[in-house]
Amino acid sequence: MAFWRSKKTNESGPENEGLDPATSEPAAEPATDKAAGGGIFSKITGGLQKTRRVLGTDIRDLFKSEGRLVDEEFLGELFARLIRTDMGTGPANKIREEVGRQYRGRVVHLDEVIQTITEEIRSQLRQDHGGLAKSDSPPTVILVVGVNGSGKTTSIGKLSHHLHANGHSLVLGAGDTFRAAAVEQLTIWAGRIGCEIVTGKSNADPASVAYQTVDKAIEVGADYAIIDTAGRLQTQSNLMQELEKIRKVIDKRLPGSPHEVLLVLDATAGQNAISQAKGFSAAAGCTGIVLAKLDGSAKGGVVLPIREQFQLPVKFVGLGEGMQDMAAFDPDSFADALLKG
């Protein structure tokens, strides 16, 4: 059953990330972001500030004004600094090898190495299908999964705002029926955005809510149906099996759906995000990643091993608390912002 609620919650914690603590509503867009024009490069640059500060400072420390000889000692020090951003040994080693291939035995300056690293990161992040999937006939059904505290529900709100701002109609499904705060938060987002939401009773079968959400989206002719799911650890086999049930129920109501299964990863989790991606990819058939809380992390490099190991495209990145603080992922802008800013 779809309905509106304006009741606010005073609960705090990860489930309310993205809400203004004074009002329990989605945080307003910061004035500074509006002034900046909201360009994708400026947003990503701001979001990667902490990662860039760590990586850029570390690399600059390797150089003196007269430059630096590229030898095994230098390459080893460069490798150690790269992995501090949680980009993992594989991507860091590729960067080290490329720098060695181009400059070994030469004295080089900082800007030369920065450019080479940026180009190699850009190459590693390149993806052929970064946009959202779209069904030939509406609605396009998007299932969103992730662990508790990853920013999953907030990411749904931001994605919904993004789609609505681009002229799309949508229905939200509050499938995390085991956590009242999650339902409440998503209801607030729906009211703020101006879209319908389907909810169920506390502890109701999440698959039932998912089915009703797709059914409602079909009924009203919505462009998108976006369904939240209960946060779970990738090691909880019974809960992961529940995701498979949800997928089957959705497909029963609308064959071929869900068209997109987005895994929300907390950028601050670093290498633990790799374990999350592995578990969810197997159980939920993930098609893409939303990297949340990028603005609060010095581990933005984690996107590199995720791309390397799973070949899952990064669809969006979360860059702040406001409704508009989400950007479609652009590998070139990300690579430039990671080191240059």
C-alpha atoms as a PDB file:
ATOM      1  CA  MET A   1       0.000   0.000   0.000  1.00  0.00           C
ATOM      2  CA  ALA A   2       1.429   3.381  -0.964  1.00  0.00           C
ATOM      3  CA  PHE A   3       1.010   6.303   1.416  1.00  0.00           C
ATOM      4  CA  TRP A   4       2.649   9.513   2.584  1.00  0.00           C
ATOM      5  CA  ARG A   5       3.983  10.310   6.022  1.00  0.00           C
ATOM      6  CA  SER A   6       5.465  13.526   7.382  1.00  0.00           C
ATOM      7  CA  LYS A   7       6.339  12.216  10.822  1.00  0.00           C
ATOM      8  CA  LYS A   8       9.987  12.826  11.748  1.00  0.00           C
ATOM      9  CA  THR A   9      12.295  10.590  13.689  1.00  0.00           C
ATOM     10  CA  ASN A  10      14.844  11.661  16.298  1.00  0.00           C
ATOM     11  CA  GLU A  11      16.843   8.486  16.021  1.00  0.00           C
ATOM     12  CA  SER A  12      20.497   8.920  15.188  1.00  0.00           C
ATOM     13  CA  GLY A  13      23.147   6.644  13.783  1.00  0.00           C
ATOM     14  CA  PRO A  14      24.314   5.365  10.414  1.00  0.00           C
ATOM     15  CA  GLU A  15      20.768   4.807   9.258  1.00  0.00           C
ATOM     16  CA  ASN A  16      20.146   8.563   9.446  1.00  0.00           C
ATOM     17  CA  GLU A  17      23.271   9.580   7.556  1.00  0.00           C
ATOM     18  CA  GLY A  18      22.312  12.340   5.162  1.00  0.00           C
ATOM     19  CA  LEU A  19      19.589  13.777   7.409  1.00  0.00           C
ATOM     20  CA  ASP A  20      19.757  17.166   9.078  1.00  0.00           C
ATOM     21  CA  PRO A  21      20.021  16.331  12.829  1.00  0.00           C
ATOM     22  CA  ALA A  22      17.832  19.289  13.747  1.00  0.00           C
ATOM     23  CA  THR A  23      14.935  18.317  11.507  1.00  0.00           C
ATOM     24  CA  SER A  24      15.540  14.648  10.629  1.00  0.00           C
ATOM     25  CA  GLU A  25      15.068  15.681   7.016  1.00  0.00           C
ATOM     26  CA  PRO A  26      17.501  15.347   4.122  1.00  0.00           C
ATOM     27  CA  ALA A  27      20.246  17.886   4.589  1.00  0.00           C
ATOM     28  CA  ALA A  28      19.953  21.050   2.549  1.00  0.00           C
ATOM     29  CA  GLU A  29      22.385  21.735  -0.248  1.00  0.00           C
ATOM     30  CA  PRO A  30      25.363  23.710   1.083  1.00  0.00           C
ATOM     31  CA  ALA A  31      25.565  27.255  -0.273  1.00  0.00           C
ATOM     32  CA  THR A  32      29.170  26.730  -1.301  1.00  0.00           C
ATOM     33  CA  ASP A  33      28.160  23.949  -3.666  1.00  0.00           C
ATOM     34  CA  LYS A  34      25.562  26.120  -5.311  1.00  0.00           C
ATOM     35  CA  ALA A  35      28.081  28.880  -5.779  1.00  0.00           C
ATOM     36  CA  ALA A  36      30.471  26.455  -7.386  1.00  0.00           C
ATOM     37  CA  GLY A  37      27.852  25.579  -9.944  1.00  0.00           C
ATOM     38  CA  GLY A  38      27.692  21.907  -9.028  1.00  0.00           C
ATOM     39  CA  GLY A  39      29.964  20.822 -11.877  1.00  0.00           C
ATOM     40  CA  ILE A  40      30.956  17.169 -11.807  1.00  0.00           C
ATOM     41  CA  PHE A  41      34.679  17.896 -11.643  1.00  0.00           C
ATOM     42  CA  SER A  42      34.290  20.356  -8.767  1.00  0.00           C
ATOM     43  CA  LYS A  43      32.101  17.886  -6.878  1.00  0.00           C
ATOM     44  CA  ILE A  44      34.507  14.984  -7.354  1.00  0.00           C
ATOM     45  CA  THR A  45      37.477  17.197  -6.515  1.00  0.00           C
ATOM     46  CA  GLY A  46      35.813  18.173  -3.246  1.00  0.00           C
ATOM     47  CA  GLY A  47      34.863  14.581  -2.486  1.00  0.00           C
ATOM     48  CA  LEU A  48      38.414  13.347  -3.002  1.00  0.00           C
ATOM     49  CA  GLN A  49      40.002  16.057  -0.897  1.00  0.00           C
ATOM     50  CA  LYS A  50      41.089  13.728   1.918  1.00  0.00           C
ATOM     51  CA  THR A  51      42.423  11.050  -0.409  1.00  0.00           C
ATOM     52  CA  ARG A  52      44.227  13.628  -2.522  1.00  0.00           C
ATOM     53  CA  ARG A  53      45.775  15.224   0.556  1.00  0.00           C
ATOM     54  CA  VAL A  54      47.250  11.891   1.656  1.00  0.00           C
ATOM     55  CA  LEU A  55      48.364  10.729  -1.771  1.00  0.00           C
ATOM     56  CA  GLY A  56      49.562  14.081  -3.082  1.00  0.00           C
ATOM     57  CA  THR A  57      51.518  14.931   0.034  1.00  0.00           C
ATOM     58  CA  ASP A  58      53.136  11.497   0.136  1.00  0.00           C
ATOM     59  CA  ILE A  59      54.227  11.649  -3.495  1.00  0.00           C
ATOM     60  CA  ARG A  60      55.489  15.210  -3.228  1.00  0.00           C
ATOM     61  CA  ASP A  61      57.602  14.175  -0.262  1.00  0.00           C
ATOM     62  CA  LEU A  62      59.531  11.865  -2.598  1.00  0.00           C
ATOM     63  CA  PHE A  63      60.892  14.789  -4.583  1.00  0.00           C
ATOM     64  CA  LYS A  64      63.415  17.546  -4.114  1.00  0.00           C
ATOM     65  CA  SER A  65      63.551  20.721  -6.170  1.00  0.00           C
ATOM     66  CA  GLU A  66      66.163  19.215  -8.464  1.00  0.00           C
ATOM     67  CA  GLY A  67      64.015  16.151  -9.151  1.00  0.00           C
ATOM     68  CA  ARG A  68      64.515  12.502  -8.286  1.00  0.00           C
ATOM     69  CA  LEU A  69      66.288   9.564  -9.913  1.00  0.00           C
ATOM     70  CA  VAL A  70      63.830   6.816 -10.788  1.00  0.00           C
ATOM     71  CA  ASP A  71      65.460   3.681  -9.409  1.00  0.00           C
ATOM     72  CA  GLU A  72      64.282   0.676  -7.379  1.00  0.00           C
ATOM     73  CA  GLU A  73      64.389   2.679  -4.146  1.00  0.00           C
ATOM     74  CA  PHE A  74      62.173   5.398  -5.588  1.00  0.00           C
ATOM     75  CA  LEU A  75      59.735   2.917  -7.133  1.00  0.00           C
ATOM     76  CA  GLY A  76      59.455   1.037  -3.829  1.00  0.00           C
ATOM     77  CA  GLU A  77      58.702   4.249  -1.937  1.00  0.00           C
ATOM     78  CA  LEU A  78      56.132   5.253  -4.548  1.00  0.00           C
ATOM     79  CA  PHE A  79      54.407   1.863  -4.276  1.00  0.00           C
ATOM     80  CA  ALA A  80      54.182   2.161  -0.473  1.00  0.00           C
ATOM     81  CA  ARG A  81      52.529   5.560  -0.728  1.00  0.00           C
ATOM     82  CA  LEU A  82      50.041   4.456  -3.365  1.00  0.00           C
ATOM     83  CA  ILE A  83      48.669   1.594  -1.296  1.00  0.00           C
ATOM     84  CA  ARG A  84      47.936   3.962   1.596  1.00  0.00           C
ATOM     85  CA  THR A  85      44.834   5.031  -0.344  1.00  0.00           C
ATOM     86  CA  ASP A  86      43.638   1.394  -0.256  1.00  0.00           C
ATOM     87  CA  MET A  87      43.994   0.992  -3.997  1.00  0.00           C
ATOM     88  CA  GLY A  88      45.509  -2.441  -3.352  1.00  0.00           C
ATOM     89  CA  THR A  89      48.718  -4.081  -4.488  1.00  0.00           C
ATOM     90  CA  GLY A  90      47.530  -4.944  -8.012  1.00  0.00           C
ATOM     91  CA  PRO A  91      46.662  -1.420  -9.206  1.00  0.00           C
ATOM     92  CA  ALA A  92      49.568   0.118  -7.265  1.00  0.00           C
ATOM     93  CA  ASN A  93      51.998  -2.320  -8.875  1.00  0.00           C
ATOM     94  CA  LYS A  94      50.707  -1.448 -12.359  1.00  0.00           C
ATOM     95  CA  ILE A  95      51.330   2.220 -11.644  1.00  0.00           C
ATOM     96  CA  ARG A  96      54.821   1.487 -10.310  1.00  0.00           C
ATOM     97  CA  GLU A  97      55.625  -0.563 -13.417  1.00  0.00           C
ATOM     98  CA  GLU A  98      54.404   2.164 -15.770  1.00  0.00           C
ATOM     99  CA  VAL A  99      56.439   4.847 -14.003  1.00  0.00           C
ATOM    100  CA  GLY A 100      59.468   2.538 -14.138  1.00  0.00           C
ATOM    101  CA  ARG A 101      58.892   1.768 -17.809  1.00  0.00           C
ATOM    102  CA  GLN A 102      58.814   5.439 -18.753  1.00  0.00           C
ATOM    103  CA  TYR A 103      61.438   6.922 -16.456  1.00  0.00           C
ATOM    104  CA  ARG A 104      63.782   4.272 -15.029  1.00  0.00           C
ATOM    105  CA  GLY A 105      67.340   5.607 -14.857  1.00  0.00           C
ATOM    106  CA  ARG A 106      66.225   9.197 -15.439  1.00  0.00           C
ATOM    107  CA  VAL A 107      65.951  12.174 -13.109  1.00  0.00           C
ATOM    108  CA  VAL A 108      62.324  13.324 -13.232  1.00  0.00           C
ATOM    109  CA  HIS A 109      60.243  16.035 -11.641  1.00  0.00           C
ATOM    110  CA  LEU A 110      56.993  15.788  -9.730  1.00  0.00           C
ATOM    111  CA  ASP A 111      54.673  16.990 -12.485  1.00  0.00           C
ATOM    112  CA  GLU A 112      55.930  14.332 -14.919  1.00  0.00           C
ATOM    113  CA  VAL A 113      55.251  11.489 -12.484  1.00  0.00           C
ATOM    114  CA  ILE A 114      51.868  12.922 -11.455  1.00  0.00           C
ATOM    115  CA  GLN A 115      50.794  13.023 -15.109  1.00  0.00           C
ATOM    116  CA  THR A 116      51.882   9.417 -15.700  1.00  0.00           C
ATOM    117  CA  ILE A 117      50.102   8.180 -12.567  1.00  0.00           C
ATOM    118  CA  THR A 118      46.943  10.063 -13.547  1.00  0.00           C
ATOM    119  CA  GLU A 119      46.935   8.529 -17.027  1.00  0.00           C
ATOM    120  CA  GLU A 120      47.450   5.021 -15.630  1.00  0.00           C
ATOM    121  CA  ILE A 121      44.626   5.456 -13.098  1.00  0.00           C
ATOM    122  CA  ARG A 122      42.384   6.755 -15.868  1.00  0.00           C
ATOM    123  CA  SER A 123      43.198   3.661 -17.929  1.00  0.00           C
ATOM    124  CA  GLN A 124      42.432   1.300 -15.041  1.00  0.00           C
ATOM    125  CA  LEU A 125      39.101   2.984 -14.330  1.00  0.00           C
ATOM    126  CA  ARG A 126      37.857   3.104 -17.895  1.00  0.00           C
ATOM    127  CA  GLN A 127      34.494   1.382 -18.249  1.00  0.00           C
ATOM    128  CA  ASP A 128      32.202   0.862 -21.210  1.00  0.00           C
ATOM    129  CA  HIS A 129      28.838   0.947 -19.482  1.00  0.00           C
ATOM    130  CA  GLY A 130      28.756   3.406 -16.609  1.00  0.00           C
ATOM    131  CA  GLY A 131      25.229   4.723 -17.090  1.00  0.00           C
ATOM    132  CA  LEU A 132      22.108   3.339 -15.471  1.00  0.00           C
ATOM    133  CA  ALA A 133      20.378   0.523 -17.281  1.00  0.00           C
ATOM    134  CA  LYS A 134      17.043   1.441 -18.795  1.00  0.00           C
ATOM    135  CA  SER A 135      14.196  -0.882 -19.643  1.00  0.00           C
ATOM    136  CA  ASP A 136      12.744  -0.745 -23.135  1.00  0.00           C
ATOM    137  CA  SER A 137       9.344  -0.252 -21.532  1.00  0.00           C
ATOM    138  CA  PRO A 138       8.942   1.409 -18.099  1.00  0.00           C
ATOM    139  CA  PRO A 139       9.377   0.930 -15.287  1.00  0.00           C
ATOM    140  CA  THR A 140      13.094   0.335 -14.928  1.00  0.00           C
ATOM    141  CA  VAL A 141      13.490  -1.574 -11.658  1.00  0.00           C
ATOM    142  CA  ILE A 142      16.529  -0.851  -9.492  1.00  0.00           C
ATOM    143  CA  LEU A 143      17.321  -3.018  -6.467  1.00  0.00           C
ATOM    144  CA  VAL A 144      19.752  -1.487  -3.959  1.00  0.00           C
ATOM    145  CA  VAL A 145      21.833  -3.659  -1.601  1.00  0.00           C
ATOM    146  CA  GLY A 146      24.639  -3.217   0.913  1.00  0.00           C
ATOM    147  CA  VAL A 147      25.685  -3.641   4.529  1.00  0.00           C
ATOM    148  CA  ASN A 148      24.187  -1.682   7.408  1.00  0.00           C
ATOM    149  CA  GLY A 149      25.709   1.769   7.753  1.00  0.00           C
ATOM    150  CA  SER A 150      27.019   1.879   4.193  1.00  0.00           C
ATOM    151  CA  GLY A 151      24.799   4.844   3.297  1.00  0.00           C
ATOM    152  CA  LYS A 152      22.382   2.686   1.315  1.00  0.00           C
ATOM    153  CA  THR A 153      19.114   4.427   2.137  1.00  0.00           C
ATOM    154  CA  THR A 154      20.651   7.883   1.791  1.00  0.00           C
ATOM    155  CA  SER A 155      22.084   6.897  -1.579  1.00  0.00           C
ATOM    156  CA  ILE A 156      18.605   5.861  -2.719  1.00  0.00           C
ATOM    157  CA  GLY A 157      17.331   9.292  -1.719  1.00  0.00           C
ATOM    158  CA  LYS A 158      20.082  11.055  -3.635  1.00  0.00           C
ATOM    159  CA  LEU A 159      19.624   8.851  -6.701  1.00  0.00           C
ATOM    160  CA  SER A 160      15.879   9.457  -6.596  1.00  0.00           C
ATOM    161  CA  HIS A 161      16.454  13.204  -6.390  1.00  0.00           C
ATOM    162  CA  HIS A 162      18.854  12.978  -9.332  1.00  0.00           C
ATOM    163  CA  LEU A 163      16.330  11.095 -11.480  1.00  0.00           C
ATOM    164  CA  HIS A 164      13.411  13.289 -10.465  1.00  0.00           C
ATOM    165  CA  ALA A 165      15.420  16.445 -11.222  1.00  0.00           C
ATOM    166  CA  ASN A 166      15.976  15.054 -14.716  1.00  0.00           C
ATOM    167  CA  GLY A 167      12.246  14.728 -15.326  1.00  0.00           C
ATOM    168  CA  HIS A 168      11.682  11.081 -14.395  1.00  0.00           C
ATOM    169  CA  SER A 169       8.789   9.751 -12.321  1.00  0.00           C
ATOM    170  CA  LEU A 170       9.478   7.065  -9.763  1.00  0.00           C
ATOM    171  CA  VAL A 171       8.139   4.915  -6.963  1.00  0.00           C
ATOM    172  CA  LEU A 172      10.255   3.987  -3.948  1.00  0.00           C
ATOM    173  CA  GLY A 173       9.957   0.708  -2.066  1.00  0.00           C
ATOM    174  CA  ALA A 174      10.904   0.620   1.628  1.00  0.00           C
ATOM    175  CA  GLY A 175      12.052  -3.001   1.662  1.00  0.00           C
ATOM    176  CA  ASP A 176      14.061  -2.719   4.878  1.00  0.00           C
ATOM    177  CA  THR A 177      11.038  -3.704   6.920  1.00  0.00           C
ATOM    178  CA  PHE A 178      13.110  -4.787   9.944  1.00  0.00           C
ATOM    179  CA  ARG A 179      14.296  -1.275  10.750  1.00  0.00           C
ATOM    180  CA  ALA A 180      11.645   1.368  11.390  1.00  0.00           C
ATOM    181  CA  ALA A 181      14.210   4.156  11.081  1.00  0.00           C
ATOM    182  CA  ALA A 182      15.062   3.072   7.532  1.00  0.00           C
ATOM    183  CA  VAL A 183      11.397   3.154   6.482  1.00  0.00           C
ATOM    184  CA  GLU A 184      10.966   6.517   8.158  1.00  0.00           C
ATOM    185  CA  GLN A 185      14.044   7.966   6.498  1.00  0.00           C
ATOM    186  CA  LEU A 186      13.030   6.794   3.032  1.00  0.00           C
ATOM    187  CA  THR A 187       9.511   8.160   3.585  1.00  0.00           C
ATOM    188  CA  ILE A 188      10.998  11.570   4.400  1.00  0.00           C
ATOM    189  CA  TRP A 189      13.097  11.426   1.246  1.00  0.00           C
ATOM    190  CA  ALA A 190      10.022  10.527  -0.830  1.00  0.00           C
ATOM    191  CA  GLY A 191       8.040  13.425   0.593  1.00  0.00           C
ATOM    192  CA  ARG A 192      10.879  15.851   0.016  1.00  0.00           C
ATOM    193  CA  ILE A 193      11.417  14.711  -3.579  1.00  0.00           C
ATOM    194  CA  GLY A 194       7.734  14.395  -4.406  1.00  0.00           C
ATOM    195  CA  CYS A 195       7.351  10.739  -5.320  1.00  0.00           C
ATOM    196  CA  GLU A 196       5.268   7.822  -4.115  1.00  0.00           C
ATOM    197  CA  ILE A 197       6.539   5.225  -1.682  1.00  0.00           C
ATOM    198  CA  VAL A 198       5.381   1.705  -0.879  1.00  0.00           C
ATOM    199  CA  THR A 199       5.853   0.470   2.669  1.00  0.00           C
ATOM    200  CA  GLY A 200       4.828  -2.591   4.649  1.00  0.00           C
ATOM    201  CA  LYS A 201       4.175  -3.427   8.253  1.00  0.00           C
ATOM    202  CA  SER A 202       7.119  -3.831  10.588  1.00  0.00           C
ATOM    203  CA  ASN A 203       8.935  -7.134   9.907  1.00  0.00           C
ATOM    204  CA  ALA A 204       6.802  -7.790   6.840  1.00  0.00           C
ATOM    205  CA  ASP A 205       8.237  -9.962   4.086  1.00  0.00           C
ATOM    206  CA  PRO A 206      10.617  -7.678   2.105  1.00  0.00           C
ATOM    207  CA  ALA A 207       9.841  -9.615  -1.078  1.00  0.00           C
ATOM    208  CA  SER A 208       6.185  -8.658  -0.684  1.00  0.00           C
ATOM    209  CA  VAL A 209       7.101  -4.964  -0.470  1.00  0.00           C
ATOM    210  CA  ALA A 210       9.307  -5.335  -3.533  1.00  0.00           C
ATOM    211  CA  TYR A 211       6.471  -6.959  -5.479  1.00  0.00           C
ATOM    212  CA  GLN A 212       4.024  -4.222  -4.462  1.00  0.00           C
ATOM    213  CA  THR A 213       6.530  -1.531  -5.424  1.00  0.00           C
ATOM    214  CA  VAL A 214       6.911  -2.870  -8.952  1.00  0.00           C
ATOM    215  CA  ASP A 215       3.151  -3.354  -9.181  1.00  0.00           C
ATOM    216  CA  LYS A 216       2.558   0.260  -8.115  1.00  0.00           C
ATOM    217  CA  ALA A 217       5.138   1.580 -10.575  1.00  0.00           C
ATOM    218  CA  ILE A 218       3.394  -0.296 -13.388  1.00  0.00           C
ATOM    219  CA  GLU A 219      -0.010   0.980 -12.231  1.00  0.00           C
ATOM    220  CA  VAL A 220       0.977   4.658 -12.184  1.00  0.00           C
ATOM    221  CA  GLY A 221       3.239   4.465 -15.235  1.00  0.00           C
ATOM    222  CA  ALA A 222       6.403   5.448 -13.363  1.00  0.00           C
ATOM    223  CA  ASP A 223       9.736   5.514 -15.149  1.00  0.00           C
ATOM    224  CA  TYR A 224      11.614   3.918 -12.257  1.00  0.00           C
ATOM    225  CA  ALA A 225      10.954   1.683  -9.257  1.00  0.00           C
ATOM    226  CA  ILE A 226      13.775   1.848  -6.701  1.00  0.00           C
ATOM    227  CA  ILE A 227      13.707  -0.748  -3.925  1.00  0.00           C
ATOM    228  CA  ASP A 228      15.619  -0.581  -0.658  1.00  0.00           C
ATOM    229  CA  THR A 229      16.659  -3.827   1.066  1.00  0.00           C
ATOM    230  CA  ALA A 230      17.656  -4.666   4.611  1.00  0.00           C
ATOM    231  CA  GLY A 231      21.315  -4.093   5.330  1.00  0.00           C
ATOM    232  CA  ARG A 232      23.180  -7.342   5.825  1.00  0.00           C
ATOM    233  CA  LEU A 233      26.672  -8.692   6.098  1.00  0.00           C
ATOM    234  CA  GLN A 234      27.921 -10.527   3.055  1.00  0.00           C
ATOM    235  CA  THR A 235      28.676 -13.512   5.334  1.00  0.00           C
ATOM    236  CA  GLN A 236      25.038 -13.986   6.455  1.00  0.00           C
ATOM    237  CA  SER A 237      23.989 -16.737   4.051  1.00  0.00           C
ATOM    238  CA  ASN A 238      20.314 -16.762   5.072  1.00  0.00           C
ATOM    239  CA  LEU A 239      19.962 -13.053   4.429  1.00  0.00           C
ATOM    240  CA  MET A 240      21.849 -13.285   1.171  1.00  0.00           C
ATOM    241  CA  GLN A 241      19.409 -16.023   0.093  1.00  0.00           C
ATOM    242  CA  GLU A 242      16.612 -13.573   0.859  1.00  0.00           C
ATOM    243  CA  LEU A 243      18.020 -11.275  -1.802  1.00  0.00           C
ATOM    244  CA  GLU A 244      17.644 -14.066  -4.330  1.00  0.00           C
ATOM    245  CA  LYS A 245      14.017 -14.478  -3.269  1.00  0.00           C
ATOM    246  CA  ILE A 246      13.400 -10.757  -3.772  1.00  0.00           C
ATOM    247  CA  ARG A 247      14.915 -10.949  -7.249  1.00  0.00           C
ATOM    248  CA  LYS A 248      12.667 -13.883  -8.196  1.00  0.00           C
ATOM    249  CA  VAL A 249       9.537 -12.155  -6.909  1.00  0.00           C
ATOM    250  CA  ILE A 250      10.359  -8.969  -8.837  1.00  0.00           C
ATOM    251  CA  ASP A 251      10.987 -10.972 -11.987  1.00  0.00           C
ATOM    252  CA  LYS A 252       7.651 -12.746 -11.534  1.00  0.00           C
ATOM    253  CA  ARG A 253       5.793  -9.420 -11.543  1.00  0.00           C
ATOM    254  CA  LEU A 254       7.896  -7.893 -14.328  1.00  0.00           C
ATOM    255  CA  PRO A 255       9.908 -10.427 -16.339  1.00  0.00           C
ATOM    256  CA  GLY A 256      13.499  -9.397 -16.876  1.00  0.00           C
ATOM    257  CA  SER A 257      13.684  -7.231 -13.768  1.00  0.00           C
ATOM    258  CA  PRO A 258      15.456  -6.027 -11.758  1.00  0.00           C
ATOM    259  CA  HIS A 259      17.246  -4.219 -14.551  1.00  0.00           C
ATOM    260  CA  GLU A 260      19.891  -2.873 -12.207  1.00  0.00           C
ATOM    261  CA  VAL A 261      21.249  -4.162  -8.883  1.00  0.00           C
ATOM    262  CA  LEU A 262      23.316  -1.453  -7.254  1.00  0.00           C
ATOM    263  CA  LEU A 263      25.734  -2.280  -4.454  1.00  0.00           C
ATOM    264  CA  VAL A 264      26.356   0.645  -2.103  1.00  0.00           C
ATOM    265  CA  LEU A 265      29.875   0.578  -0.672  1.00  0.00           C
ATOM    266  CA  ASP A 266      31.144   2.823   2.083  1.00  0.00           C
ATOM    267  CA  ALA A 267      34.357   4.430   0.800  1.00  0.00           C
ATOM    268  CA  THR A 268      35.633   4.704   4.367  1.00  0.00           C
ATOM    269  CA  ALA A 269      35.607   0.883   4.615  1.00  0.00           C
ATOM    270  CA  GLY A 270      38.675   0.674   2.382  1.00  0.00           C
ATOM    271  CA  GLN A 271      39.799  -2.862   1.619  1.00  0.00           C
ATOM    272  CA  ASN A 272      36.829  -4.339   3.502  1.00  0.00           C
ATOM    273  CA  ALA A 273      34.728  -3.048   0.639  1.00  0.00           C
ATOM    274  CA  ILE A 274      36.400  -5.705  -1.525  1.00  0.00           C
ATOM    275  CA  SER A 275      34.983  -8.461   0.670  1.00  0.00           C
ATOM    276  CA  GLN A 276      31.558  -6.817   0.513  1.00  0.00           C
ATOM    277  CA  ALA A 277      31.675  -6.617  -3.270  1.00  0.00           C
ATOM    278  CA  LYS A 278      32.646 -10.277  -3.546  1.00  0.00           C
ATOM    279  CA  GLY A 279      29.821 -11.559  -1.341  1.00  0.00           C
ATOM    280  CA  PHE A 280      27.109  -9.405  -2.827  1.00  0.00           C
ATOM    281  CA  SER A 281      28.192  -9.949  -6.418  1.00  0.00           C
ATOM    282  CA  ALA A 282      27.697 -13.693  -6.036  1.00  0.00           C
ATOM    283  CA  ALA A 283      24.366 -13.567  -4.222  1.00  0.00           C
ATOM    284  CA  ALA A 284      22.619 -10.536  -5.665  1.00  0.00           C
ATOM    285  CA  GLY A 285      23.940 -10.403  -9.215  1.00  0.00           C
ATOM    286  CA  CYS A 286      25.193  -6.840  -8.789  1.00  0.00           C
ATOM    287  CA  THR A 287      25.431  -4.791 -11.960  1.00  0.00           C
ATOM    288  CA  GLY A 288      27.039  -1.649 -10.590  1.00  0.00           C
ATOM    289  CA  ILE A 289      28.420   0.189  -7.592  1.00  0.00           C
ATOM    290  CA  VAL A 290      27.533   3.361  -5.740  1.00  0.00           C
ATOM    291  CA  LEU A 291      30.575   4.521  -3.773  1.00  0.00           C
ATOM    292  CA  ALA A 292      29.145   6.425  -0.809  1.00  0.00           C
ATOM    293  CA  LYS A 293      30.797   8.755   1.729  1.00  0.00           C
ATOM    294  CA  LEU A 294      33.689   9.506  -0.586  1.00  0.00           C
ATOM    295  CA  ASP A 295      33.985  12.964   0.939  1.00  0.00           C
ATOM    296  CA  GLY A 296      34.706  11.482   4.375  1.00  0.00           C
ATOM    297  CA  SER A 297      37.406   9.048   3.293  1.00  0.00           C
ATOM    298  CA  ALA A 298      41.139   9.091   2.613  1.00  0.00           C
ATOM    299  CA  LYS A 299      40.676   5.696   0.922  1.00  0.00           C
ATOM    300  CA  GLY A 300      39.133   6.746  -2.371  1.00  0.00           C
ATOM    301  CA  GLY A 301      41.646   4.562  -4.185  1.00  0.00           C
ATOM    302  CA  VAL A 302      39.562   1.508  -3.261  1.00  0.00           C
ATOM    303  CA  VAL A 303      37.605   1.973  -6.488  1.00  0.00           C
ATOM    304  CA  LEU A 304      40.653   0.666  -8.401  1.00  0.00           C
ATOM    305  CA  PRO A 305      40.801  -2.876  -6.953  1.00  0.00           C
ATOM    306  CA  ILE A 306      37.005  -3.116  -7.139  1.00  0.00           C
ATOM    307  CA  ARG A 307      37.174  -2.424 -10.856  1.00  0.00           C
ATOM    308  CA  GLU A 308      40.163  -4.772 -11.239  1.00  0.00           C
ATOM    309  CA  GLN A 309      38.684  -7.764  -9.437  1.00  0.00           C
ATOM    310  CA  PHE A 310      35.004  -7.601 -10.309  1.00  0.00           C
ATOM    311  CA  GLN A 311      34.767  -5.466 -13.434  1.00  0.00           C
ATOM    312  CA  LEU A 312      31.691  -3.870 -11.913  1.00  0.00           C
ATOM    313  CA  PRO A 313      31.146  -0.360 -13.233  1.00  0.00           C
ATOM    314  CA  VAL A 314      30.972   2.434 -10.689  1.00  0.00           C
ATOM    315  CA  LYS A 315      27.717   4.212 -11.478  1.00  0.00           C
ATOM    316  CA  PHE A 316      27.609   7.001  -8.898  1.00  0.00           C
ATOM    317  CA  VAL A 317      29.699   8.500  -6.118  1.00  0.00           C
ATOM    318  CA  GLY A 318      28.349  10.117  -2.948  1.00  0.00           C
ATOM    319  CA  LEU A 319      30.111  13.393  -2.227  1.00  0.00           C
ATOM    320  CA  GLY A 320      28.411  14.984   0.768  1.00  0.00           C
ATOM    321  CA  GLU A 321      25.299  15.259   2.908  1.00  0.00           C
ATOM    322  CA  GLY A 322      22.983  17.260   0.645  1.00  0.00           C
ATOM    323  CA  MET A 323      20.338  15.913  -1.720  1.00  0.00           C
ATOM    324  CA  GLN A 324      22.396  16.978  -4.726  1.00  0.00           C
ATOM    325  CA  ASP A 325      25.684  15.566  -3.416  1.00  0.00           C
ATOM    326  CA  MET A 326      25.804  12.627  -5.787  1.00  0.00           C
ATOM    327  CA  ALA A 327      27.494  12.551  -9.167  1.00  0.00           C
ATOM    328  CA  ALA A 328      27.554  10.114 -12.040  1.00  0.00           C
ATOM    329  CA  PHE A 329      30.985   8.502 -11.996  1.00  0.00           C
ATOM    330  CA  ASP A 330      33.373   9.798 -14.629  1.00  0.00           C
ATOM    331  CA  PRO A 331      36.744   7.977 -14.773  1.00  0.00           C
ATOM    332  CA  ASP A 332      38.625  10.907 -16.322  1.00  0.00           C
ATOM    333  CA  SER A 333      37.383  13.437 -13.766  1.00  0.00           C
ATOM    334  CA  PHE A 334      38.029  10.970 -10.946  1.00  0.00           C
ATOM    335  CA  ALA A 335      41.617  10.302 -12.048  1.00  0.00           C
ATOM    336  CA  ASP A 336      42.352  14.007 -12.438  1.00  0.00           C
ATOM    337  CA  ALA A 337      40.776  14.907  -9.093  1.00  0.00           C
ATOM    338  CA  LEU A 338      42.627  12.122  -7.278  1.00  0.00           C
ATOM    339  CA  LEU A 339      45.991  13.786  -7.808  1.00  0.00           C
ATOM    340  CA  LYS A 340      45.538  17.199  -9.355  1.00  0.00           C
ATOM    341  CA  GLY A 341      42.428  18.733  -7.867  1.00  0.00           C
END
